Protein backbone atom coordinates (compact mmCIF):
# COMPACT_ATOMS: atom_id res chain seq x y z
CA MET A 1 0.70 151.21 131.06
CA ASP A 2 1.96 147.77 132.07
CA ASP A 3 5.45 146.22 131.94
CA HIS A 4 4.83 144.59 128.57
CA GLU A 5 3.92 147.93 126.97
CA ILE A 6 6.98 149.61 128.51
CA MET A 7 9.26 146.87 127.13
CA MET A 8 7.71 147.23 123.67
CA ILE A 9 8.36 150.97 123.72
CA LEU A 10 11.95 150.47 124.92
CA ARG A 11 12.68 147.85 122.25
CA GLU A 12 11.36 150.11 119.53
CA ALA A 13 13.34 153.08 120.88
CA LEU A 14 16.54 151.04 121.00
CA SER A 15 15.89 149.46 117.58
CA LEU A 16 16.19 145.95 118.92
CA GLY A 17 13.43 144.74 116.64
CA PRO A 18 9.83 143.85 117.32
CA PRO A 19 9.18 142.22 120.72
CA GLU A 20 7.95 138.97 119.18
CA ASP A 21 11.22 138.47 117.25
CA GLU A 22 13.63 138.17 120.18
CA ASP A 23 13.97 137.91 123.93
CA PRO A 24 16.46 140.05 125.84
CA PRO A 25 20.01 138.72 125.49
CA ASP A 26 21.13 136.38 128.28
CA ARG A 27 23.82 138.87 129.39
CA VAL A 28 21.14 141.53 129.93
CA LEU A 29 19.02 139.18 132.05
CA GLU A 30 22.06 138.03 134.05
CA ALA A 31 23.07 141.64 134.74
CA ALA A 32 19.53 142.51 135.83
CA TYR A 33 19.40 139.59 138.28
CA ALA A 34 22.88 140.34 139.60
CA ALA A 35 21.96 143.99 140.16
CA GLY A 36 19.50 143.01 142.84
CA ASN A 37 21.71 140.44 144.53
CA TRP A 38 24.19 142.89 146.09
CA VAL A 39 21.57 144.84 148.04
CA LEU A 40 21.36 143.65 151.62
CA LEU A 41 17.84 143.03 152.83
CA ASP A 42 18.36 145.47 155.68
CA ALA A 43 19.97 148.19 153.50
CA GLN A 44 18.04 151.40 153.03
CA LEU A 45 17.89 153.25 149.73
CA ALA A 46 18.96 156.89 149.71
CA GLU A 47 16.80 159.28 147.72
CA LEU A 48 18.02 161.52 144.91
CA VAL A 49 17.34 165.02 146.21
CA ALA A 50 19.30 167.22 143.81
CA GLU A 51 20.43 167.10 140.24
CA PRO A 52 21.36 170.63 139.17
CA ALA A 53 19.83 171.90 135.95
CA GLY A 54 22.13 171.46 133.00
CA THR A 55 23.97 168.43 134.39
CA ARG A 56 21.89 165.91 132.46
CA ALA A 57 21.87 165.61 128.69
CA ALA A 58 18.55 166.11 126.92
CA PRO A 59 16.61 162.88 126.28
CA GLY A 60 18.04 161.04 123.28
CA VAL A 61 21.29 163.01 123.42
CA ARG A 62 24.46 161.47 124.79
CA ALA A 63 26.40 163.66 127.21
CA THR A 64 30.10 164.02 126.59
CA LEU A 65 32.54 162.66 129.14
CA ALA A 66 33.79 166.19 129.71
CA ASP A 67 30.36 167.25 131.01
CA PRO A 68 30.33 167.02 134.82
CA HIS A 69 27.33 165.30 136.34
CA GLN A 70 26.38 166.22 139.92
CA LEU A 71 24.03 164.22 142.13
CA THR A 72 22.98 164.52 145.77
CA TYR A 73 21.39 161.67 147.72
CA ARG A 74 19.96 161.79 151.23
CA LEU A 75 18.50 159.44 153.79
CA HIS A 76 17.79 160.64 157.32
CA ASP A 77 20.91 162.54 158.45
CA LEU A 78 23.27 161.11 155.79
CA THR A 79 23.99 163.08 152.62
CA VAL A 80 26.07 161.80 149.70
CA GLU A 81 27.15 164.31 147.08
CA CYS A 82 29.00 163.11 144.01
CA GLU A 83 30.23 164.47 140.74
CA SER A 84 31.75 162.67 137.81
CA ASP A 85 33.87 164.16 135.09
CA ALA A 86 36.06 162.68 132.37
CA ASP A 87 38.74 161.53 134.83
CA ALA A 88 37.22 160.85 138.24
CA LEU A 89 34.26 160.37 140.53
CA LEU A 90 34.53 162.70 143.51
CA GLY A 91 32.27 163.77 146.29
CA MET A 92 31.54 164.14 149.96
CA VAL A 93 29.61 162.19 152.58
CA THR A 94 28.24 164.00 155.63
CA PRO A 95 28.47 163.22 158.43
CA ALA A 96 31.62 161.16 157.90
CA GLN A 97 32.15 159.88 161.45
CA ALA A 98 32.73 156.12 161.69
CA LEU A 99 31.64 155.53 158.11
CA ARG A 100 32.79 152.98 155.53
CA LEU A 101 32.12 153.80 151.87
CA GLU A 102 32.15 151.28 149.02
CA LEU A 103 31.70 151.53 145.27
CA VAL A 104 29.38 148.73 144.10
CA ARG A 105 28.83 147.39 140.60
CA PRO A 106 25.75 145.54 139.27
CA ASP A 107 27.64 142.23 139.24
CA GLY A 108 28.02 142.49 143.02
CA THR A 109 31.70 143.38 143.07
CA HIS A 110 32.64 146.20 145.37
CA ARG A 111 35.70 148.11 146.45
CA PRO A 112 36.37 150.37 149.40
CA VAL A 113 36.54 154.11 148.83
CA ASP A 114 38.82 156.16 151.08
CA LEU A 115 37.30 159.13 152.90
CA ASP A 116 39.32 161.99 154.33
CA ALA A 117 38.52 163.50 157.76
CA ASP A 118 35.90 165.79 156.19
CA GLY A 119 34.16 162.94 154.31
CA ARG A 120 35.55 163.79 150.87
CA PHE A 121 36.38 161.02 148.40
CA LEU A 122 38.05 160.64 145.02
CA VAL A 123 37.83 157.58 142.76
CA ARG A 124 40.31 157.63 139.91
CA PRO A 125 40.03 156.50 137.20
CA ARG A 126 36.34 157.27 136.88
CA PRO A 127 34.30 154.07 137.04
CA ARG A 128 32.61 153.12 133.78
CA GLY A 129 29.01 152.01 133.63
CA PRO A 130 26.41 151.85 136.40
CA VAL A 131 27.61 152.03 140.00
CA ALA A 132 26.17 152.70 143.43
CA LEU A 133 27.68 153.90 146.69
CA ARG A 134 27.10 151.91 149.87
CA CYS A 135 27.63 153.62 153.24
CA THR A 136 27.98 151.50 156.34
CA ARG A 137 28.00 152.99 159.83
CA ALA A 138 28.65 151.31 163.15
CA ALA A 139 24.98 151.60 164.10
CA GLY A 140 22.03 151.04 161.80
CA PRO A 141 21.57 149.44 158.40
CA ALA A 142 23.71 150.14 155.36
CA ILE A 143 22.56 152.98 153.13
CA VAL A 144 22.92 152.67 149.36
CA THR A 145 22.40 155.11 146.52
CA PRO A 146 20.37 154.09 143.50
CA TRP A 147 22.38 153.09 140.43
CA PHE A 148 23.90 155.98 138.56
CA LEU A 149 26.26 156.34 135.63
CA ALA A 150 29.56 157.71 136.85
């Protein structure tokens, strides 16, 4: 299956009309291009290693905001655990020594996230839409999570 076939299937699934009738809206293309711009060339992508059963809605079914969603990412010795609920995004980064954590949005904006001495964090109110977490340590490249919906 090539990219064209995938886009046809997605358009049909989202009821955007037949592929020959319209191109993606400009705002969608701009967001897609911006999503790649914030990643530093030397940043490394953490891998999703755990998503507990029952935390993701069935395909085609929208999860409620009250349903917690837990994710665990890892790269080398760094682990990022996060959970979102209706009010907040919370989690823990280990090890937390000399680490800076940022919440990044697809448009490239970012904001620092405070860590306590044990590496725990709390972002309130819960961010809406796709976000990623970027971890920067004194030595080595930045480590980023893939996009996830908080």
